[in-house]
Amino acid sequence: MAEKKTPLRKCIGCNEMKDKKELIRIVRSKEGEMSIDPVGKMPGRGAYICKCVECFDASVKAKRLERAFKTRIPDEIYTQLRTALETL
């Protein structure tokens, strides 16, 4: 039996390729709502990030989330995502 390939995704914070299961998906829905997708199946545009806060801070500083979602992100959404990452 053939071995399954594990999908790789790039972290937008540290730009390293990692297994999809090691990363967290941040999703922007069609309505413009941003949330963390723990399962990885929510509809919408997604970006992957490591589970560490340092990668999140690097992505915020370089505005990589705004580039990935092609929109401006308010500061309160950044704080909500940061607190959600700290609880994981």
PDB file of N, CA and C in Angstrom:
ATOM      1  N   MET A   1       0.836  -1.176   0.000  1.00  0.00           N
ATOM      2  CA  MET A   1       0.000   0.000   0.000  1.00  0.00           C
ATOM      3  C   MET A   1       0.887   1.248   0.000  1.00  0.00           C
ATOM      4  N   ALA A   2       0.551   2.191  -0.833  1.00  0.00           N
ATOM      5  CA  ALA A   2       1.344   3.409  -0.960  1.00  0.00           C
ATOM      6  C   ALA A   2       1.151   4.302   0.261  1.00  0.00           C
ATOM      7  N   GLU A   3       2.225   4.959   0.634  1.00  0.00           N
ATOM      8  CA  GLU A   3       2.178   5.869   1.780  1.00  0.00           C
ATOM      9  C   GLU A   3       1.582   7.199   1.343  1.00  0.00           C
ATOM     10  N   LYS A   4       0.693   7.753   2.155  1.00  0.00           N
ATOM     11  CA  LYS A   4       0.059   9.035   1.835  1.00  0.00           C
ATOM     12  C   LYS A   4       1.041  10.172   2.021  1.00  0.00           C
ATOM     13  N   LYS A   5       0.972  11.140   1.112  1.00  0.00           N
ATOM     14  CA  LYS A   5       1.781  12.346   1.261  1.00  0.00           C
ATOM     15  C   LYS A   5       1.116  13.261   2.269  1.00  0.00           C
ATOM     16  N   THR A   6       1.931  13.871   3.109  1.00  0.00           N
ATOM     17  CA  THR A   6       1.384  14.863   4.027  1.00  0.00           C
ATOM     18  C   THR A   6       1.479  16.223   3.349  1.00  0.00           C
ATOM     19  N   PRO A   7       0.376  16.965   3.313  1.00  0.00           N
ATOM     20  CA  PRO A   7       0.412  18.262   2.645  1.00  0.00           C
ATOM     21  C   PRO A   7       1.279  19.257   3.412  1.00  0.00           C
ATOM     22  N   LEU A   8       2.047  20.040   2.671  1.00  0.00           N
ATOM     23  CA  LEU A   8       2.903  21.061   3.257  1.00  0.00           C
ATOM     24  C   LEU A   8       2.313  22.435   2.981  1.00  0.00           C
ATOM     25  N   ARG A   9       2.445  23.311   3.960  1.00  0.00           N
ATOM     26  CA  ARG A   9       2.010  24.697   3.825  1.00  0.00           C
ATOM     27  C   ARG A   9       3.120  25.596   4.353  1.00  0.00           C
ATOM     28  N   LYS A  10       3.130  26.841   3.878  1.00  0.00           N
ATOM     29  CA  LYS A  10       4.156  27.790   4.298  1.00  0.00           C
ATOM     30  C   LYS A  10       3.604  28.707   5.376  1.00  0.00           C
ATOM     31  N   CYS A  11       4.342  28.837   6.458  1.00  0.00           N
ATOM     32  CA  CYS A  11       3.988  29.762   7.531  1.00  0.00           C
ATOM     33  C   CYS A  11       4.261  31.178   7.042  1.00  0.00           C
ATOM     34  N   ILE A  12       3.286  32.074   7.223  1.00  0.00           N
ATOM     35  CA  ILE A  12       3.485  33.445   6.754  1.00  0.00           C
ATOM     36  C   ILE A  12       4.343  34.256   7.724  1.00  0.00           C
ATOM     37  N   GLY A  13       4.640  33.690   8.889  1.00  0.00           N
ATOM     38  CA  GLY A  13       5.483  34.391   9.854  1.00  0.00           C
ATOM     39  C   GLY A  13       6.958  34.136   9.639  1.00  0.00           C
ATOM     40  N   CYS A  14       7.339  32.849   9.587  1.00  0.00           N
ATOM     41  CA  CYS A  14       8.750  32.487   9.464  1.00  0.00           C
ATOM     42  C   CYS A  14       9.124  32.001   8.061  1.00  0.00           C
ATOM     43  N   ASN A  15       8.144  31.875   7.167  1.00  0.00           N
ATOM     44  CA  ASN A  15       8.341  31.435   5.778  1.00  0.00           C
ATOM     45  C   ASN A  15       8.951  30.040   5.669  1.00  0.00           C
ATOM     46  N   GLU A  16       8.649  29.159   6.607  1.00  0.00           N
ATOM     47  CA  GLU A  16       9.126  27.783   6.555  1.00  0.00           C
ATOM     48  C   GLU A  16       8.001  26.871   6.115  1.00  0.00           C
ATOM     49  N   MET A  17       8.341  25.867   5.307  1.00  0.00           N
ATOM     50  CA  MET A  17       7.379  24.870   4.896  1.00  0.00           C
ATOM     51  C   MET A  17       7.260  23.828   6.005  1.00  0.00           C
ATOM     52  N   LYS A  18       6.029  23.572   6.450  1.00  0.00           N
ATOM     53  CA  LYS A  18       5.777  22.614   7.524  1.00  0.00           C
ATOM     54  C   LYS A  18       4.552  21.784   7.173  1.00  0.00           C
ATOM     55  N   ASP A  19       4.368  20.704   7.917  1.00  0.00           N
ATOM     56  CA  ASP A  19       3.162  19.895   7.731  1.00  0.00           C
ATOM     57  C   ASP A  19       1.931  20.733   8.044  1.00  0.00           C
ATOM     58  N   LYS A  20       0.875  20.475   7.315  1.00  0.00           N
ATOM     59  CA  LYS A  20      -0.361  21.233   7.487  1.00  0.00           C
ATOM     60  C   LYS A  20      -0.900  21.102   8.910  1.00  0.00           C
ATOM     61  N   LYS A  21      -0.708  19.945   9.526  1.00  0.00           N
ATOM     62  CA  LYS A  21      -1.234  19.702  10.877  1.00  0.00           C
ATOM     63  C   LYS A  21      -0.461  20.465  11.947  1.00  0.00           C
ATOM     64  N   GLU A  22       0.745  20.912  11.651  1.00  0.00           N
ATOM     65  CA  GLU A  22       1.547  21.661  12.617  1.00  0.00           C
ATOM     66  C   GLU A  22       1.178  23.143  12.635  1.00  0.00           C
ATOM     67  N   LEU A  23       0.436  23.600  11.634  1.00  0.00           N
ATOM     68  CA  LEU A  23       0.126  25.016  11.492  1.00  0.00           C
ATOM     69  C   LEU A  23      -1.339  25.295  11.823  1.00  0.00           C
ATOM     70  N   ILE A  24      -1.633  26.556  12.051  1.00  0.00           N
ATOM     71  CA  ILE A  24      -2.997  27.011  12.316  1.00  0.00           C
ATOM     72  C   ILE A  24      -3.448  27.818  11.107  1.00  0.00           C
ATOM     73  N   ARG A  25      -4.682  27.624  10.704  1.00  0.00           N
ATOM     74  CA  ARG A  25      -5.222  28.349   9.553  1.00  0.00           C
ATOM     75  C   ARG A  25      -6.047  29.536  10.037  1.00  0.00           C
ATOM     76  N   ILE A  26      -5.757  30.697   9.488  1.00  0.00           N
ATOM     77  CA  ILE A  26      -6.540  31.902   9.755  1.00  0.00           C
ATOM     78  C   ILE A  26      -7.380  32.143   8.511  1.00  0.00           C
ATOM     79  N   VAL A  27      -8.683  32.338   8.705  1.00  0.00           N
ATOM     80  CA  VAL A  27      -9.621  32.410   7.585  1.00  0.00           C
ATOM     81  C   VAL A  27     -10.315  33.762   7.547  1.00  0.00           C
ATOM     82  N   ARG A  28     -10.515  34.257   6.321  1.00  0.00           N
ATOM     83  CA  ARG A  28     -11.358  35.432   6.100  1.00  0.00           C
ATOM     84  C   ARG A  28     -12.538  34.973   5.260  1.00  0.00           C
ATOM     85  N   SER A  29     -13.735  35.107   5.809  1.00  0.00           N
ATOM     86  CA  SER A  29     -14.936  34.669   5.103  1.00  0.00           C
ATOM     87  C   SER A  29     -15.330  35.682   4.041  1.00  0.00           C
ATOM     88  N   LYS A  30     -16.331  35.356   3.260  1.00  0.00           N
ATOM     89  CA  LYS A  30     -16.807  36.259   2.218  1.00  0.00           C
ATOM     90  C   LYS A  30     -17.379  37.544   2.805  1.00  0.00           C
ATOM     91  N   GLU A  31     -17.885  37.458   4.038  1.00  0.00           N
ATOM     92  CA  GLU A  31     -18.430  38.637   4.715  1.00  0.00           C
ATOM     93  C   GLU A  31     -17.334  39.525   5.290  1.00  0.00           C
ATOM     94  N   GLY A  32     -16.088  39.050   5.289  1.00  0.00           N
ATOM     95  CA  GLY A  32     -14.973  39.836   5.793  1.00  0.00           C
ATOM     96  C   GLY A  32     -14.603  39.521   7.228  1.00  0.00           C
ATOM     97  N   GLU A  33     -15.228  38.521   7.834  1.00  0.00           N
ATOM     98  CA  GLU A  33     -14.930  38.155   9.214  1.00  0.00           C
ATOM     99  C   GLU A  33     -13.663  37.304   9.261  1.00  0.00           C
ATOM    100  N   MET A  34     -12.791  37.611  10.225  1.00  0.00           N
ATOM    101  CA  MET A  34     -11.549  36.859  10.394  1.00  0.00           C
ATOM    102  C   MET A  34     -11.681  35.965  11.611  1.00  0.00           C
ATOM    103  N   SER A  35     -11.202  34.720  11.487  1.00  0.00           N
ATOM    104  CA  SER A  35     -11.251  33.791  12.607  1.00  0.00           C
ATOM    105  C   SER A  35     -10.172  32.735  12.433  1.00  0.00           C
ATOM    106  N   ILE A  36      -9.927  32.009  13.524  1.00  0.00           N
ATOM    107  CA  ILE A  36      -8.994  30.891  13.487  1.00  0.00           C
ATOM    108  C   ILE A  36      -9.782  29.636  13.183  1.00  0.00           C
ATOM    109  N   ASP A  37      -9.284  28.857  12.242  1.00  0.00           N
ATOM    110  CA  ASP A  37      -9.937  27.628  11.808  1.00  0.00           C
ATOM    111  C   ASP A  37      -9.180  26.449  12.411  1.00  0.00           C
ATOM    112  N   PRO A  38      -9.686  25.871  13.503  1.00  0.00           N
ATOM    113  CA  PRO A  38      -8.948  24.780  14.149  1.00  0.00           C
ATOM    114  C   PRO A  38      -8.942  23.487  13.340  1.00  0.00           C
ATOM    115  N   VAL A  39      -9.960  23.270  12.510  1.00  0.00           N
ATOM    116  CA  VAL A  39     -10.064  22.023  11.752  1.00  0.00           C
ATOM    117  C   VAL A  39      -9.409  22.150  10.372  1.00  0.00           C
ATOM    118  N   GLY A  40      -9.420  23.341   9.800  1.00  0.00           N
ATOM    119  CA  GLY A  40      -8.841  23.554   8.491  1.00  0.00           C
ATOM    120  C   GLY A  40      -9.812  23.337   7.351  1.00  0.00           C
ATOM    121  N   LYS A  41     -11.113  23.380   7.632  1.00  0.00           N
ATOM    122  CA  LYS A  41     -12.119  23.099   6.611  1.00  0.00           C
ATOM    123  C   LYS A  41     -13.106  24.243   6.377  1.00  0.00           C
ATOM    124  N   MET A  42     -12.968  25.346   7.092  1.00  0.00           N
ATOM    125  CA  MET A  42     -13.916  26.448   6.942  1.00  0.00           C
ATOM    126  C   MET A  42     -13.799  27.067   5.558  1.00  0.00           C
ATOM    127  N   PRO A  43     -14.919  27.510   4.985  1.00  0.00           N
ATOM    128  CA  PRO A  43     -14.850  28.150   3.676  1.00  0.00           C
ATOM    129  C   PRO A  43     -14.272  29.554   3.793  1.00  0.00           C
ATOM    130  N   GLY A  44     -13.569  29.969   2.769  1.00  0.00           N
ATOM    131  CA  GLY A  44     -12.987  31.297   2.742  1.00  0.00           C
ATOM    132  C   GLY A  44     -11.513  31.239   2.421  1.00  0.00           C
ATOM    133  N   ARG A  45     -10.927  32.403   2.296  1.00  0.00           N
ATOM    134  CA  ARG A  45      -9.503  32.503   1.989  1.00  0.00           C
ATOM    135  C   ARG A  45      -8.716  32.261   3.261  1.00  0.00           C
ATOM    136  N   GLY A  46      -7.669  31.456   3.187  1.00  0.00           N
ATOM    137  CA  GLY A  46      -6.914  31.099   4.376  1.00  0.00           C
ATOM    138  C   GLY A  46      -5.437  31.387   4.259  1.00  0.00           C
ATOM    139  N   ALA A  47      -4.825  31.553   5.413  1.00  0.00           N
ATOM    140  CA  ALA A  47      -3.379  31.713   5.519  1.00  0.00           C
ATOM    141  C   ALA A  47      -2.927  30.881   6.711  1.00  0.00           C
ATOM    142  N   TYR A  48      -1.760  30.286   6.611  1.00  0.00           N
ATOM    143  CA  TYR A  48      -1.264  29.404   7.654  1.00  0.00           C
ATOM    144  C   TYR A  48      -0.165  30.074   8.441  1.00  0.00           C
ATOM    145  N   ILE A  49      -0.145  29.769   9.751  1.00  0.00           N
ATOM    146  CA  ILE A  49       0.849  30.354  10.647  1.00  0.00           C
ATOM    147  C   ILE A  49       1.196  29.336  11.721  1.00  0.00           C
ATOM    148  N   CYS A  50       2.435  29.401  12.218  1.00  0.00           N
ATOM    149  CA  CYS A  50       2.871  28.507  13.293  1.00  0.00           C
ATOM    150  C   CYS A  50       2.066  28.792  14.556  1.00  0.00           C
ATOM    151  N   LYS A  51       2.133  27.892  15.503  1.00  0.00           N
ATOM    152  CA  LYS A  51       1.383  28.053  16.748  1.00  0.00           C
ATOM    153  C   LYS A  51       2.086  28.959  17.746  1.00  0.00           C
ATOM    154  N   CYS A  52       3.209  29.551  17.367  1.00  0.00           N
ATOM    155  CA  CYS A  52       3.934  30.427  18.289  1.00  0.00           C
ATOM    156  C   CYS A  52       3.572  31.890  18.019  1.00  0.00           C
ATOM    157  N   VAL A  53       3.616  32.676  19.057  1.00  0.00           N
ATOM    158  CA  VAL A  53       3.246  34.090  18.977  1.00  0.00           C
ATOM    159  C   VAL A  53       4.306  34.886  18.215  1.00  0.00           C
ATOM    160  N   GLU A  54       5.564  34.414  18.231  1.00  0.00           N
ATOM    161  CA  GLU A  54       6.631  35.129  17.540  1.00  0.00           C
ATOM    162  C   GLU A  54       6.374  35.182  16.030  1.00  0.00           C
ATOM    163  N   CYS A  55       5.887  34.094  15.459  1.00  0.00           N
ATOM    164  CA  CYS A  55       5.573  34.083  14.022  1.00  0.00           C
ATOM    165  C   CYS A  55       4.408  35.021  13.721  1.00  0.00           C
ATOM    166  N   PHE A  56       3.441  35.071  14.626  1.00  0.00           N
ATOM    167  CA  PHE A  56       2.320  35.976  14.436  1.00  0.00           C
ATOM    168  C   PHE A  56       2.787  37.425  14.468  1.00  0.00           C
ATOM    169  N   ASP A  57       3.651  37.744  15.421  1.00  0.00           N
ATOM    170  CA  ASP A  57       4.173  39.108  15.517  1.00  0.00           C
ATOM    171  C   ASP A  57       4.975  39.493  14.276  1.00  0.00           C
ATOM    172  N   ALA A  58       5.755  38.548  13.745  1.00  0.00           N
ATOM    173  CA  ALA A  58       6.532  38.820  12.528  1.00  0.00           C
ATOM    174  C   ALA A  58       5.616  39.058  11.337  1.00  0.00           C
ATOM    175  N   SER A  59       4.518  38.314  11.261  1.00  0.00           N
ATOM    176  CA  SER A  59       3.597  38.495  10.138  1.00  0.00           C
ATOM    177  C   SER A  59       2.843  39.815  10.244  1.00  0.00           C
ATOM    178  N   VAL A  60       2.555  40.252  11.467  1.00  0.00           N
ATOM    179  CA  VAL A  60       1.875  41.540  11.657  1.00  0.00           C
ATOM    180  C   VAL A  60       2.820  42.685  11.306  1.00  0.00           C
ATOM    181  N   LYS A  61       4.063  42.573  11.746  1.00  0.00           N
ATOM    182  CA  LYS A  61       5.037  43.632  11.501  1.00  0.00           C
ATOM    183  C   LYS A  61       5.291  43.814  10.001  1.00  0.00           C
ATOM    184  N   ALA A  62       5.354  42.726   9.259  1.00  0.00           N
ATOM    185  CA  ALA A  62       5.618  42.798   7.820  1.00  0.00           C
ATOM    186  C   ALA A  62       4.334  42.908   6.997  1.00  0.00           C
ATOM    187  N   LYS A  63       3.186  42.973   7.675  1.00  0.00           N
ATOM    188  CA  LYS A  63       1.875  43.087   7.022  1.00  0.00           C
ATOM    189  C   LYS A  63       1.610  41.941   6.052  1.00  0.00           C
ATOM    190  N   ARG A  64       2.039  40.745   6.429  1.00  0.00           N
ATOM    191  CA  ARG A  64       1.838  39.581   5.566  1.00  0.00           C
ATOM    192  C   ARG A  64       0.402  39.088   5.584  1.00  0.00           C
ATOM    193  N   LEU A  65      -0.293  39.274   6.700  1.00  0.00           N
ATOM    194  CA  LEU A  65      -1.708  38.893   6.733  1.00  0.00           C
ATOM    195  C   LEU A  65      -2.519  39.775   5.793  1.00  0.00           C
ATOM    196  N   GLU A  66      -2.230  41.058   5.781  1.00  0.00           N
ATOM    197  CA  GLU A  66      -2.950  41.965   4.883  1.00  0.00           C
ATOM    198  C   GLU A  66      -2.677  41.617   3.425  1.00  0.00           C
ATOM    199  N   ARG A  67      -1.455  41.212   3.133  1.00  0.00           N
ATOM    200  CA  ARG A  67      -1.107  40.829   1.772  1.00  0.00           C
ATOM    201  C   ARG A  67      -1.778  39.511   1.389  1.00  0.00           C
ATOM    202  N   ALA A  68      -1.839  38.576   2.327  1.00  0.00           N
ATOM    203  CA  ALA A  68      -2.455  37.279   2.033  1.00  0.00           C
ATOM    204  C   ALA A  68      -3.960  37.403   1.808  1.00  0.00           C
ATOM    205  N   PHE A  69      -4.612  38.289   2.566  1.00  0.00           N
ATOM    206  CA  PHE A  69      -6.063  38.439   2.449  1.00  0.00           C
ATOM    207  C   PHE A  69      -6.478  39.572   1.520  1.00  0.00           C
ATOM    208  N   LYS A  70      -5.499  40.299   0.999  1.00  0.00           N
ATOM    209  CA  LYS A  70      -5.747  41.378   0.040  1.00  0.00           C
ATOM    210  C   LYS A  70      -6.726  42.426   0.572  1.00  0.00           C
ATOM    211  N   THR A  71      -6.589  42.758   1.851  1.00  0.00           N
ATOM    212  CA  THR A  71      -7.435  43.765   2.477  1.00  0.00           C
ATOM    213  C   THR A  71      -6.731  44.330   3.708  1.00  0.00           C
ATOM    214  N   ARG A  72      -7.181  45.488   4.163  1.00  0.00           N
ATOM    215  CA  ARG A  72      -6.641  46.075   5.389  1.00  0.00           C
ATOM    216  C   ARG A  72      -7.319  45.429   6.581  1.00  0.00           C
ATOM    217  N   ILE A  73      -6.534  45.103   7.600  1.00  0.00           N
ATOM    218  CA  ILE A  73      -7.055  44.425   8.784  1.00  0.00           C
ATOM    219  C   ILE A  73      -7.000  45.388   9.956  1.00  0.00           C
ATOM    220  N   PRO A  74      -8.136  45.616  10.646  1.00  0.00           N
ATOM    221  CA  PRO A  74      -8.147  46.522  11.808  1.00  0.00           C
ATOM    222  C   PRO A  74      -7.327  45.964  12.978  1.00  0.00           C
ATOM    223  N   ASP A  75      -6.867  46.859  13.845  1.00  0.00           N
ATOM    224  CA  ASP A  75      -6.040  46.469  14.985  1.00  0.00           C
ATOM    225  C   ASP A  75      -6.778  45.560  15.960  1.00  0.00           C
ATOM    226  N   GLU A  76      -8.089  45.750  16.135  1.00  0.00           N
ATOM    227  CA  GLU A  76      -8.824  44.910  17.089  1.00  0.00           C
ATOM    228  C   GLU A  76      -8.878  43.448  16.636  1.00  0.00           C
ATOM    229  N   ILE A  77      -8.838  43.202  15.346  1.00  0.00           N
ATOM    230  CA  ILE A  77      -8.807  41.820  14.861  1.00  0.00           C
ATOM    231  C   ILE A  77      -7.448  41.202  15.157  1.00  0.00           C
ATOM    232  N   TYR A  78      -6.383  41.990  15.020  1.00  0.00           N
ATOM    233  CA  TYR A  78      -5.053  41.499  15.384  1.00  0.00           C
ATOM    234  C   TYR A  78      -4.999  41.106  16.858  1.00  0.00           C
ATOM    235  N   THR A  79      -5.588  41.908  17.732  1.00  0.00           N
ATOM    236  CA  THR A  79      -5.564  41.578  19.161  1.00  0.00           C
ATOM    237  C   THR A  79      -6.404  40.340  19.450  1.00  0.00           C
ATOM    238  N   GLN A  80      -7.543  40.182  18.764  1.00  0.00           N
ATOM    239  CA  GLN A  80      -8.362  38.984  18.949  1.00  0.00           C
ATOM    240  C   GLN A  80      -7.612  37.734  18.503  1.00  0.00           C
ATOM    241  N   LEU A  81      -6.944  37.806  17.356  1.00  0.00           N
ATOM    242  CA  LEU A  81      -6.190  36.655  16.869  1.00  0.00           C
ATOM    243  C   LEU A  81      -5.012  36.338  17.783  1.00  0.00           C
ATOM    244  N   ARG A  82      -4.372  37.371  18.302  1.00  0.00           N
ATOM    245  CA  ARG A  82      -3.230  37.155  19.195  1.00  0.00           C
ATOM    246  C   ARG A  82      -3.670  36.457  20.488  1.00  0.00           C
ATOM    247  N   THR A  83      -4.773  36.893  21.084  1.00  0.00           N
ATOM    248  CA  THR A  83      -5.259  36.254  22.308  1.00  0.00           C
ATOM    249  C   THR A  83      -5.694  34.824  22.031  1.00  0.00           C
ATOM    250  N   ALA A  84      -6.268  34.580  20.870  1.00  0.00           N
ATOM    251  CA  ALA A  84      -6.679  33.216  20.520  1.00  0.00           C
ATOM    252  C   ALA A  84      -5.448  32.317  20.344  1.00  0.00           C
ATOM    253  N   LEU A  85      -4.387  32.857  19.769  1.00  0.00           N
ATOM    254  CA  LEU A  85      -3.155  32.068  19.620  1.00  0.00           C
ATOM    255  C   LEU A  85      -2.488  31.796  20.966  1.00  0.00           C
ATOM    256  N   GLU A  86      -2.567  32.746  21.871  1.00  0.00           N
ATOM    257  CA  GLU A  86      -1.950  32.550  23.192  1.00  0.00           C
ATOM    258  C   GLU A  86      -2.668  31.469  23.987  1.00  0.00           C
ATOM    259  N   THR A  87      -3.942  31.273  23.752  1.00  0.00           N
ATOM    260  CA  THR A  87      -4.691  30.254  24.489  1.00  0.00           C
ATOM    261  C   THR A  87      -4.463  28.839  23.945  1.00  0.00           C
ATOM    262  N   LEU A  88      -3.928  28.744  22.721  1.00  0.00           N
ATOM    263  CA  LEU A  88      -3.686  27.409  22.139  1.00  0.00           C
ATOM    264  C   LEU A  88      -2.511  26.739  22.721  1.00  0.00           C
TER     265      LEU A  88
END
